[in-house]
Protein backbone atom coordinates (compact mmCIF):
# COMPACT_ATOMS: atom_id res chain seq x y z
CA UNK A 1 11.72 28.89 -21.43
CA UNK A 2 10.72 25.93 -18.78
CA UNK A 3 7.23 25.40 -20.98
CA UNK A 4 9.36 24.98 -23.91
CA UNK A 5 11.73 22.86 -22.08
CA UNK A 6 8.96 20.75 -20.76
CA UNK A 7 6.72 20.32 -24.04
CA UNK A 8 9.69 18.89 -25.63
CA UNK A 9 10.31 16.31 -22.56
CA UNK A 10 6.66 15.27 -22.39
CA UNK A 11 6.65 14.78 -26.56
CA UNK A 12 9.69 12.54 -25.89
CA UNK A 13 8.35 10.49 -22.87
CA UNK A 14 4.44 10.26 -24.09
CA UNK A 15 2.32 8.84 -21.40
CA UNK A 16 5.04 8.81 -18.51
CA UNK A 17 3.02 11.06 -16.08
CA UNK A 18 5.71 10.38 -13.10
CA UNK A 19 8.56 11.15 -15.07
CA UNK A 20 7.53 14.32 -16.19
CA UNK A 21 6.11 15.55 -13.37
CA UNK A 22 9.65 15.04 -11.37
CA UNK A 23 11.62 16.83 -14.50
CA UNK A 24 9.32 19.77 -14.15
CA UNK A 25 9.61 20.11 -10.58
CA UNK A 26 13.36 20.23 -10.94
CA UNK A 27 13.20 22.34 -14.24
CA UNK A 28 11.25 25.33 -12.53
CA UNK A 29 13.76 25.87 -10.08
CA UNK A 30 16.85 25.10 -11.97
CA UNK A 31 16.07 27.03 -15.02
CA UNK A 32 16.72 30.38 -13.48
CA UNK A 33 19.86 29.43 -12.29
CA UNK A 34 20.57 27.73 -15.45
CA UNK A 35 20.20 30.89 -17.21
CA UNK A 36 22.44 32.88 -15.09
CA UNK A 37 25.44 30.32 -15.92
CA UNK A 38 25.57 30.07 -19.71
CA UNK A 39 28.05 27.27 -19.31
CA UNK A 40 25.18 25.27 -18.62
CA UNK A 41 22.85 26.39 -21.09
CA UNK A 42 25.72 25.96 -23.96
CA UNK A 43 26.51 22.59 -22.98
CA UNK A 44 22.70 21.53 -22.62
CA UNK A 45 23.21 20.01 -19.49
CA UNK A 46 19.58 20.05 -17.80
CA UNK A 47 18.48 18.22 -21.58
CA UNK A 48 21.40 15.74 -21.25
CA UNK A 49 20.28 14.93 -17.26
CA UNK A 50 16.69 14.68 -18.53
CA UNK A 51 17.38 11.68 -20.76
CA UNK A 52 18.72 8.28 -19.50
CA UNK A 53 22.33 7.21 -20.18
CA UNK A 54 21.03 3.93 -20.53
CA UNK A 55 17.52 1.88 -20.17
CA UNK A 56 17.49 -1.52 -19.52
CA UNK A 57 14.32 -3.58 -19.89
CA UNK A 58 13.68 -7.54 -19.97
CA UNK A 59 11.56 -10.43 -19.50
CA UNK A 60 11.73 -12.37 -16.24
CA UNK A 61 10.15 -15.81 -16.48
CA UNK A 62 10.11 -18.10 -13.16
CA UNK A 63 8.13 -21.12 -11.77
CA UNK A 64 5.62 -21.05 -9.33
CA UNK A 65 4.87 -23.67 -6.55
CA UNK A 66 2.24 -24.94 -8.74
CA UNK A 67 4.79 -25.84 -11.66
CA UNK A 68 3.21 -23.03 -13.83
CA UNK A 69 5.56 -20.55 -15.56
CA UNK A 70 5.00 -16.64 -14.72
CA UNK A 71 6.37 -13.93 -16.99
CA UNK A 72 7.15 -10.65 -15.40
CA UNK A 73 9.18 -7.26 -16.88
CA UNK A 74 12.28 -6.44 -15.23
CA UNK A 75 14.00 -2.84 -15.53
CA UNK A 76 17.13 -1.28 -14.57
CA UNK A 77 17.41 2.90 -15.69
CA UNK A 78 21.38 3.83 -15.45
CA UNK A 79 20.05 7.72 -15.72
CA UNK A 80 23.67 9.66 -14.66
CA UNK A 81 27.02 8.37 -13.93
CA UNK A 82 28.97 11.81 -13.96
CA UNK A 83 29.79 11.64 -10.28
CA UNK A 84 30.07 8.05 -9.61
CA UNK A 85 28.79 5.00 -10.62
CA UNK A 86 24.78 4.16 -10.94
CA UNK A 87 23.25 3.75 -7.08
CA UNK A 88 19.72 3.45 -6.66
CA UNK A 89 17.18 0.76 -5.39
CA UNK A 90 15.21 -2.02 -6.78
CA UNK A 91 11.46 -1.90 -6.69
CA UNK A 92 9.24 -4.98 -7.11
CA UNK A 93 5.68 -3.89 -6.95
CA UNK A 94 2.75 -4.27 -9.48
CA UNK A 95 2.76 -0.51 -10.01
CA UNK A 96 6.31 -0.66 -11.47
CA UNK A 97 6.77 0.73 -15.07
CA UNK A 98 8.97 2.67 -17.04
CA UNK A 99 7.47 6.24 -16.21
CA UNK A 100 7.83 5.72 -12.42
CA UNK A 101 11.42 4.10 -12.54
CA UNK A 102 12.72 6.97 -14.99
CA UNK A 103 11.10 9.73 -12.08
CA UNK A 104 12.85 7.46 -9.47
CA UNK A 105 16.10 7.45 -11.23
CA UNK A 106 16.23 11.22 -11.99
CA UNK A 107 15.50 12.23 -8.54
CA UNK A 108 18.08 9.76 -7.49
CA UNK A 109 20.55 11.69 -9.24
CA UNK A 110 20.00 14.80 -7.23
CA UNK A 111 19.82 13.04 -3.93
CA UNK A 112 22.83 11.60 -4.43
CA UNK A 113 24.60 14.39 -5.47
CA UNK A 114 23.41 15.99 -2.27
CA UNK A 115 24.86 13.07 -0.29
CA UNK A 116 28.64 14.77 -1.38
CA UNK A 117 29.25 10.83 -1.95
CA UNK A 118 30.72 9.71 -5.13
CA UNK A 119 27.34 8.13 -6.77
CA UNK A 120 25.84 8.48 -9.51
CA UNK A 121 21.79 7.67 -10.19
CA UNK A 122 19.66 4.72 -11.15
CA UNK A 123 16.61 2.58 -10.25
CA UNK A 124 14.89 -0.51 -11.33
CA UNK A 125 12.79 -3.33 -10.33
CA UNK A 126 9.69 -5.30 -11.78
CA UNK A 127 5.93 -5.67 -11.89
CA UNK A 128 6.50 -8.61 -9.31
CA UNK A 129 4.77 -8.74 -6.44
CA UNK A 130 6.46 -10.42 -3.23
CA UNK A 131 3.17 -10.32 -1.44
CA UNK A 132 1.52 -13.79 -0.99
CA UNK A 133 4.40 -15.39 -2.22
CA UNK A 134 6.38 -18.28 -0.93
CA UNK A 135 10.19 -17.76 0.02
CA UNK A 136 10.84 -20.51 -3.01
CA UNK A 137 8.66 -18.59 -5.24
CA UNK A 138 10.50 -15.56 -4.27
CA UNK A 139 13.82 -17.18 -4.46
CA UNK A 140 13.19 -18.26 -8.17
CA UNK A 141 12.04 -15.26 -9.25
CA UNK A 142 14.99 -12.96 -7.74
CA UNK A 143 17.40 -15.61 -9.41
CA UNK A 144 15.87 -14.91 -12.81
CA UNK A 145 15.62 -11.51 -12.54
CA UNK A 146 19.44 -11.17 -11.45
CA UNK A 147 20.33 -13.74 -14.25
CA UNK A 148 19.89 -10.74 -16.69
CA UNK A 149 20.66 -8.10 -14.29
CA UNK A 150 23.95 -9.34 -13.56
CA UNK A 151 25.69 -8.77 -17.18
CA UNK A 152 24.81 -4.73 -16.35
CA UNK A 153 25.80 -4.26 -13.03
CA UNK A 154 28.78 -4.50 -10.70
CA UNK A 155 30.87 -2.99 -7.96
CA UNK A 156 32.39 -0.36 -10.35
CA UNK A 157 29.53 -0.11 -12.76
CA UNK A 158 26.00 0.05 -11.06
CA UNK A 159 25.10 -0.87 -7.42
CA UNK A 160 21.52 -1.68 -6.64
CA UNK A 161 19.85 -1.81 -3.28
CA UNK A 162 16.64 -2.31 -2.30
CA UNK A 163 13.33 -0.44 -2.08
CA UNK A 164 9.40 -1.05 -1.95
CA UNK A 165 9.18 -5.03 -2.11
CA UNK A 166 13.07 -5.82 -2.13
CA UNK A 167 14.21 -6.23 1.62
CA UNK A 168 16.64 -8.39 3.13
CA UNK A 169 15.20 -11.65 1.80
CA UNK A 170 15.27 -10.31 -1.99
CA UNK A 171 18.68 -8.79 -1.36
CA UNK A 172 19.79 -12.42 -0.24
CA UNK A 173 18.62 -14.01 -3.12
CA UNK A 174 20.07 -11.38 -5.70
CA UNK A 175 23.29 -11.65 -4.28
CA UNK A 176 23.58 -15.15 -4.32
CA UNK A 177 22.76 -15.56 -8.03
CA UNK A 178 25.15 -12.96 -9.04
CA UNK A 179 27.72 -14.65 -6.85
CA UNK A 180 26.85 -17.83 -8.53
CA UNK A 181 27.23 -16.45 -12.10
CA UNK A 182 29.83 -14.01 -11.98
CA UNK A 183 32.37 -16.30 -9.25
CA UNK A 184 33.19 -13.16 -7.14
CA UNK A 185 32.07 -11.78 -3.60
CA UNK A 186 32.17 -7.99 -4.34
CA UNK A 187 29.91 -5.35 -3.21
CA UNK A 188 27.83 -5.13 -6.03
CA UNK A 189 24.48 -4.83 -4.01
CA UNK A 190 23.87 -2.85 -0.63
CA UNK A 191 21.34 -3.70 1.74
CA UNK A 192 23.34 -7.18 2.22
CA UNK A 193 22.84 -8.99 5.78
CA UNK A 194 25.42 -8.23 8.48
CA UNK A 195 27.31 -11.26 8.26
CA UNK A 196 28.04 -11.03 4.78
CA UNK A 197 29.21 -7.64 3.85
CA UNK A 198 26.05 -5.66 4.89
CA UNK A 199 26.52 -2.44 7.22
CA UNK A 200 24.95 -1.44 10.45
CA UNK A 201 22.29 1.16 10.39
CA UNK A 202 20.99 0.36 6.90
CA UNK A 203 17.65 -0.53 7.42
CA UNK A 204 17.17 2.17 9.91
CA UNK A 205 18.61 4.83 7.79
CA UNK A 206 15.94 6.28 5.51
CA UNK A 207 13.79 6.76 8.61
CA UNK A 208 16.28 7.92 10.90
CA UNK A 209 18.01 10.57 8.09
CA UNK A 210 14.54 12.16 7.29
CA UNK A 211 14.07 12.70 11.39
CA UNK A 212 17.64 14.15 11.30
CA UNK A 213 16.72 16.35 8.23
CA UNK A 214 13.32 17.53 10.16
CA UNK A 215 15.34 18.44 13.21
CA UNK A 216 17.50 20.75 10.78
CA UNK A 217 14.90 22.27 9.46
CA UNK A 218 13.16 23.15 12.92
CA UNK A 219 16.14 24.52 14.08
CA UNK A 220 16.11 27.17 11.50
CA UNK A 221 12.60 28.35 13.72
CA UNK A 222 14.16 27.91 16.78
CA UNK A 223 12.23 24.94 17.35
CA UNK A 224 12.57 21.64 18.69
CA UNK A 225 11.39 17.87 17.71
CA UNK A 226 10.66 17.41 21.16
CA UNK A 227 7.10 16.74 22.19
CA UNK A 228 5.80 17.37 18.62
CA UNK A 229 2.85 15.32 17.46
CA UNK A 230 3.80 13.66 14.34
CA UNK A 231 1.60 11.97 11.32
CA UNK A 232 3.51 9.35 9.54
CA UNK A 233 2.18 7.16 6.49
CA UNK A 234 3.17 3.74 5.34
CA UNK A 235 4.34 1.27 7.99
CA UNK A 236 7.25 -0.50 6.41
CA UNK A 237 10.97 0.25 7.16
CA UNK A 238 11.03 3.95 6.67
CA UNK A 239 7.93 4.78 8.57
CA UNK A 240 9.04 2.10 11.15
CA UNK A 241 12.33 3.87 11.99
CA UNK A 242 10.89 7.21 11.59
CA UNK A 243 8.82 6.49 14.38
CA UNK A 244 11.80 4.91 16.43
CA UNK A 245 13.75 7.87 16.17
CA UNK A 246 11.13 10.19 16.94
CA UNK A 247 10.40 8.22 20.07
CA UNK A 248 13.92 8.38 21.00
CA UNK A 249 14.25 12.26 20.41
CA UNK A 250 10.70 12.75 22.63
CA UNK A 251 8.39 13.24 19.90
CA UNK A 252 5.07 11.45 19.65
CA UNK A 253 3.98 9.53 16.81
CA UNK A 254 0.47 8.79 16.44
CA UNK A 255 -0.40 7.34 13.00
CA UNK A 256 0.99 4.85 10.89
CA UNK A 257 -1.14 3.43 7.63
CA UNK A 258 -1.02 0.47 4.81
CA UNK A 259 -2.65 0.08 1.58
CA UNK A 260 -5.58 -0.58 3.29
CA UNK A 261 -6.20 2.36 5.84
CA UNK A 262 -4.82 3.98 8.96
CA UNK A 263 -4.66 4.03 12.56
CA UNK A 264 -4.73 7.09 14.79
CA UNK A 265 -3.36 6.32 18.33
CA UNK A 266 -4.02 9.31 20.33
CA UNK A 267 -1.68 8.14 23.10
CA UNK A 268 0.90 7.63 20.67
CA UNK A 269 3.70 4.65 19.64
CA UNK A 270 6.17 3.81 22.40
CA UNK A 271 8.90 1.23 22.23
CA UNK A 272 6.81 -1.51 22.96
CA UNK A 273 3.87 -0.70 20.29
CA UNK A 274 6.40 -0.62 17.72
CA UNK A 275 7.55 -3.74 18.24
CA UNK A 276 4.32 -5.14 17.77
CA UNK A 277 4.14 -3.24 14.56
CA UNK A 278 7.87 -4.65 13.53
CA UNK A 279 6.73 -8.30 14.15
CA UNK A 280 3.27 -7.69 12.13
CA UNK A 281 4.49 -6.01 9.14
CA UNK A 282 8.09 -7.42 8.83
CA UNK A 283 7.57 -11.10 9.87
CA UNK A 284 4.00 -12.09 9.80
CA UNK A 285 3.32 -9.41 7.01
CA UNK A 286 -0.15 -8.53 8.18
CA UNK A 287 -2.45 -5.30 7.87
CA UNK A 288 -1.94 -2.09 10.11
CA UNK A 289 -5.62 -2.61 11.41
CA UNK A 290 -4.38 -5.31 13.68
CA UNK A 291 -2.70 -2.56 15.49
CA UNK A 292 -5.76 -0.81 16.09
CA UNK A 293 -7.63 -4.15 17.50
CA UNK A 294 -4.44 -4.93 19.95
CA UNK A 295 -4.35 -1.66 21.20
CA UNK A 296 -7.82 -0.16 21.02
CA UNK A 297 -7.32 2.95 18.85
CA UNK A 298 -8.95 3.95 16.06
CA UNK A 299 -8.73 2.55 12.41
CA UNK A 300 -9.57 4.62 9.23
CA UNK A 301 -10.36 2.58 6.47
CA UNK A 302 -9.05 3.27 2.56
CA UNK A 303 -7.20 6.83 3.57
CA UNK A 304 -4.24 8.09 4.46
CA UNK A 305 -3.87 10.06 7.78
CA UNK A 306 -3.44 13.87 6.79
CA UNK A 307 -6.74 14.73 8.36
CA UNK A 308 -5.28 14.15 11.75
CA UNK A 309 -3.98 17.22 14.05
CA UNK A 310 -0.06 17.21 13.80
CA UNK A 311 2.94 19.38 14.05
CA UNK A 312 5.22 17.55 11.77
CA UNK A 313 3.90 14.98 8.55
CA UNK A 314 6.27 12.44 7.37
CA UNK A 315 4.70 11.11 4.10
CA UNK A 316 6.56 7.81 4.04
CA UNK A 317 4.17 5.42 1.82
CA UNK A 318 4.27 6.36 -1.80
CA UNK A 319 4.52 9.11 -4.57
CA UNK A 320 1.73 11.59 -4.83
CA UNK A 321 -0.15 10.36 -1.12
CA UNK A 322 -0.75 14.25 -0.22
CA UNK A 323 -3.04 16.18 -2.89
CA UNK A 324 -4.03 19.48 -2.31
CA UNK A 325 -7.18 19.24 -0.08
CA UNK A 326 -4.59 16.89 2.21
CA UNK A 327 -2.16 20.08 2.21
CA UNK A 328 -4.64 22.60 2.75
CA UNK A 329 -5.97 20.54 5.68
CA UNK A 330 -2.59 19.96 7.25
CA UNK A 331 -1.92 23.51 7.12
CA UNK A 332 -5.31 24.32 8.59
CA UNK A 333 -4.45 22.07 11.63
CA UNK A 334 -1.40 23.96 12.42
CA UNK A 335 1.39 21.58 10.73
CA UNK A 336 4.54 23.42 10.67
CA UNK A 337 6.65 20.82 9.02
CA UNK A 338 6.40 18.11 6.26
CA UNK A 339 9.62 16.05 5.75
CA UNK A 340 9.34 13.46 2.96
CA UNK A 341 9.91 9.94 3.62
CA UNK A 342 8.70 8.56 0.35
CA UNK A 343 9.84 9.66 -3.17
CA UNK A 344 7.71 12.06 -4.35
CA UNK A 345 4.51 11.98 -2.15
CA UNK A 346 3.50 15.62 -2.38
CA UNK A 347 1.70 16.44 -5.59
CA UNK A 348 2.67 19.79 -7.17
CA UNK A 349 -0.40 21.68 -6.09
CA UNK A 350 -0.30 20.62 -2.35
CA UNK A 351 3.89 21.55 -2.59
CA UNK A 352 2.75 24.93 -3.62
CA UNK A 353 -0.07 24.92 -0.61
CA UNK A 354 2.78 24.25 1.81
CA UNK A 355 5.20 26.85 0.29
CA UNK A 356 2.56 29.73 -0.03
CA UNK A 357 2.07 29.03 3.70
CA UNK A 358 5.56 29.39 4.44
CA UNK A 359 5.58 25.98 6.41
CA UNK A 360 9.29 23.98 6.59
CA UNK A 361 8.52 21.68 3.49
CA UNK A 362 11.47 19.04 3.06
CA UNK A 363 11.37 17.47 -0.40
CA UNK A 364 12.49 13.46 -0.88
CA UNK A 365 15.51 13.90 -2.46
CA UNK A 366 16.84 15.92 0.43
CA UNK A 367 14.89 14.48 3.38
CA UNK A 368 15.07 10.86 2.31
CA UNK A 369 18.57 10.81 1.45
CA UNK A 370 19.93 9.13 4.53
CA UNK A 371 19.04 5.48 2.97
CA UNK A 372 21.27 6.23 -0.22
CA UNK A 373 23.94 8.03 2.06
CA UNK A 374 24.18 4.87 4.14
CA UNK A 375 24.17 2.57 1.01
CA UNK A 376 27.51 4.73 0.01
CA UNK A 377 28.77 3.72 3.50
CA UNK A 378 28.19 0.25 3.12
CA UNK A 379 30.03 0.59 -0.36
CA UNK A 380 32.92 2.33 1.36
CA UNK A 381 33.25 -0.34 4.05
CA UNK A 382 32.65 -3.08 1.51
CA UNK A 383 35.88 -1.57 -0.49
CA UNK A 384 37.98 -1.61 2.70
CA UNK A 385 36.90 -5.08 3.83
CA UNK A 386 35.79 -3.27 7.06
CA UNK A 387 32.43 -3.11 9.11
CA UNK A 388 32.33 0.10 11.23
CA UNK A 389 30.31 0.38 14.37
CA UNK A 390 26.54 1.26 14.90
CA UNK A 391 27.82 4.47 16.61
CA UNK A 392 30.38 5.40 13.65
CA UNK A 393 27.47 4.66 11.06
CA UNK A 394 25.13 6.75 12.58
CA UNK A 395 27.15 9.28 13.41
CA UNK A 396 28.49 9.63 9.89
CA UNK A 397 24.91 9.40 8.62
CA UNK A 398 23.88 12.27 11.13
CA UNK A 399 26.76 14.66 9.85
CA UNK A 400 25.61 13.56 6.26
CA UNK A 401 22.09 15.14 6.77
CA UNK A 402 23.24 18.03 8.31
CA UNK A 403 25.81 18.90 5.34
CA UNK A 404 22.55 18.29 2.81
CA UNK A 405 20.53 20.63 5.02
CA UNK A 406 23.26 23.23 4.69
CA UNK A 407 23.57 22.50 1.06
CA UNK A 408 19.55 23.30 0.46
CA UNK A 409 19.80 26.67 2.94
CA UNK A 410 22.89 27.77 0.81
CA UNK A 411 20.90 27.70 -2.43
CA UNK A 412 17.34 28.19 -1.30
CA UNK A 413 17.17 30.51 1.42
CA UNK A 414 15.43 33.83 0.03
CA UNK A 415 14.93 36.94 2.66
CA UNK A 416 12.56 35.23 5.12
CA UNK A 417 12.19 31.73 3.67
CA UNK A 418 14.06 28.79 2.74
CA UNK A 419 12.81 26.97 -0.33
CA UNK A 420 14.15 23.76 0.10
CA UNK A 421 12.67 22.25 -2.94
CA UNK A 422 14.95 24.94 -5.01
CA UNK A 423 17.91 24.61 -2.63
CA UNK A 424 17.72 20.97 -2.96
CA UNK A 425 17.40 20.73 -6.82
CA UNK A 426 19.98 23.51 -7.23
CA UNK A 427 22.43 22.15 -4.66
CA UNK A 428 21.78 18.43 -6.45
CA UNK A 429 22.38 19.92 -9.90
CA UNK A 430 25.87 22.00 -9.71
CA UNK A 431 27.83 19.23 -8.64
CA UNK A 432 26.74 16.72 -11.42
CA UNK A 433 26.42 19.69 -14.09
CA UNK A 434 30.20 20.50 -13.73
CA UNK A 435 31.25 17.01 -13.80
CA UNK A 436 29.37 16.24 -16.94
CA UNK A 437 30.97 19.57 -18.27
CA UNK A 438 34.18 18.31 -17.00
CA UNK A 439 33.71 15.15 -18.91
CA UNK A 440 32.78 16.84 -22.58
CA UNK A 441 30.13 15.37 -24.36
CA UNK A 442 29.69 12.06 -23.60
């Protein structure tokens, strides 16, 4: 049955490897559950969930600093709005294509459902690369991008946020153009500046939430995060705040990476070292190997840090960064927990290695849901025209991650193992599926 289903999906979405991979991962764990509930089969819920409600693709022309016209392609995938308006980030990166955004939008549906907040799933972006561009070039691109996107989004329709390549600068330019064109100041984007509608903790949320989820997983094995050696990939927003929360909780993060390679600091990052990383990556936009030069630690060119011995792995860079060989090495080195800070960073073969070894494995749709959860909290603050304290937002984030973990355990616990993939997929599916049935065939 899953194979027949996947044959139809692959035929319909030819060449969209990432999207088909994401659908397969969900179908394999949800299909047995659906078979036990004929109402879902009759309404063809899985078939409908694998088809976006709307795909928007558009041209983005802009003028660079030399006065030359450049053309990029923009996208917005509005995947599912059964439980709320579309919610999901915008990604600006050369690798962006339809397959990647459909995979991210599909994952977002389940992730947003798990948060318990009323948010549907969507994703968008462009093959534009902000790296190496001046602020004025980024502004002109964002203004052109939003000129088209603004007709498809709104505070009760679709609320984009940031993702790879879309930080505070880009959100500011996008929001300014939206406000200019629509003549309204609404919570149409999240990740805004604190002085114009943003939420405290939003930059930290994905990383903090991932650590909170790992903490809950460890509790099921009567383990603590304190003193654990942690390998982190990436050095952007998610990786930085994963490291920050680990340091606060007494763990020892020893690696960070970027697209050129990774550093291994056997002494562990501390607050001072992390501040250097934030300045390096967020302000100077430099390479992580500069950390190795400054602190005299090892640097490995062109690789991810999964050969390093660690207790917990936090893949926080990009999709499919852990392959089968990496997974075997992590298990061999005694890794007891993997918590995904990125979206789908573990290849299917690698996931099976983790599950066979019965180590704790938290998939991204659960482990990195803290970012979109806090975006949902930002939406609530915008609706109420209020700004909550840092302590209030972080406590709400912490409780949401605990609830997500509880749902994963509810639907994923077998006799002697918690299958977090199964738990997250079924837990996210049920809420959306029931809403779709309630609303009829639409």
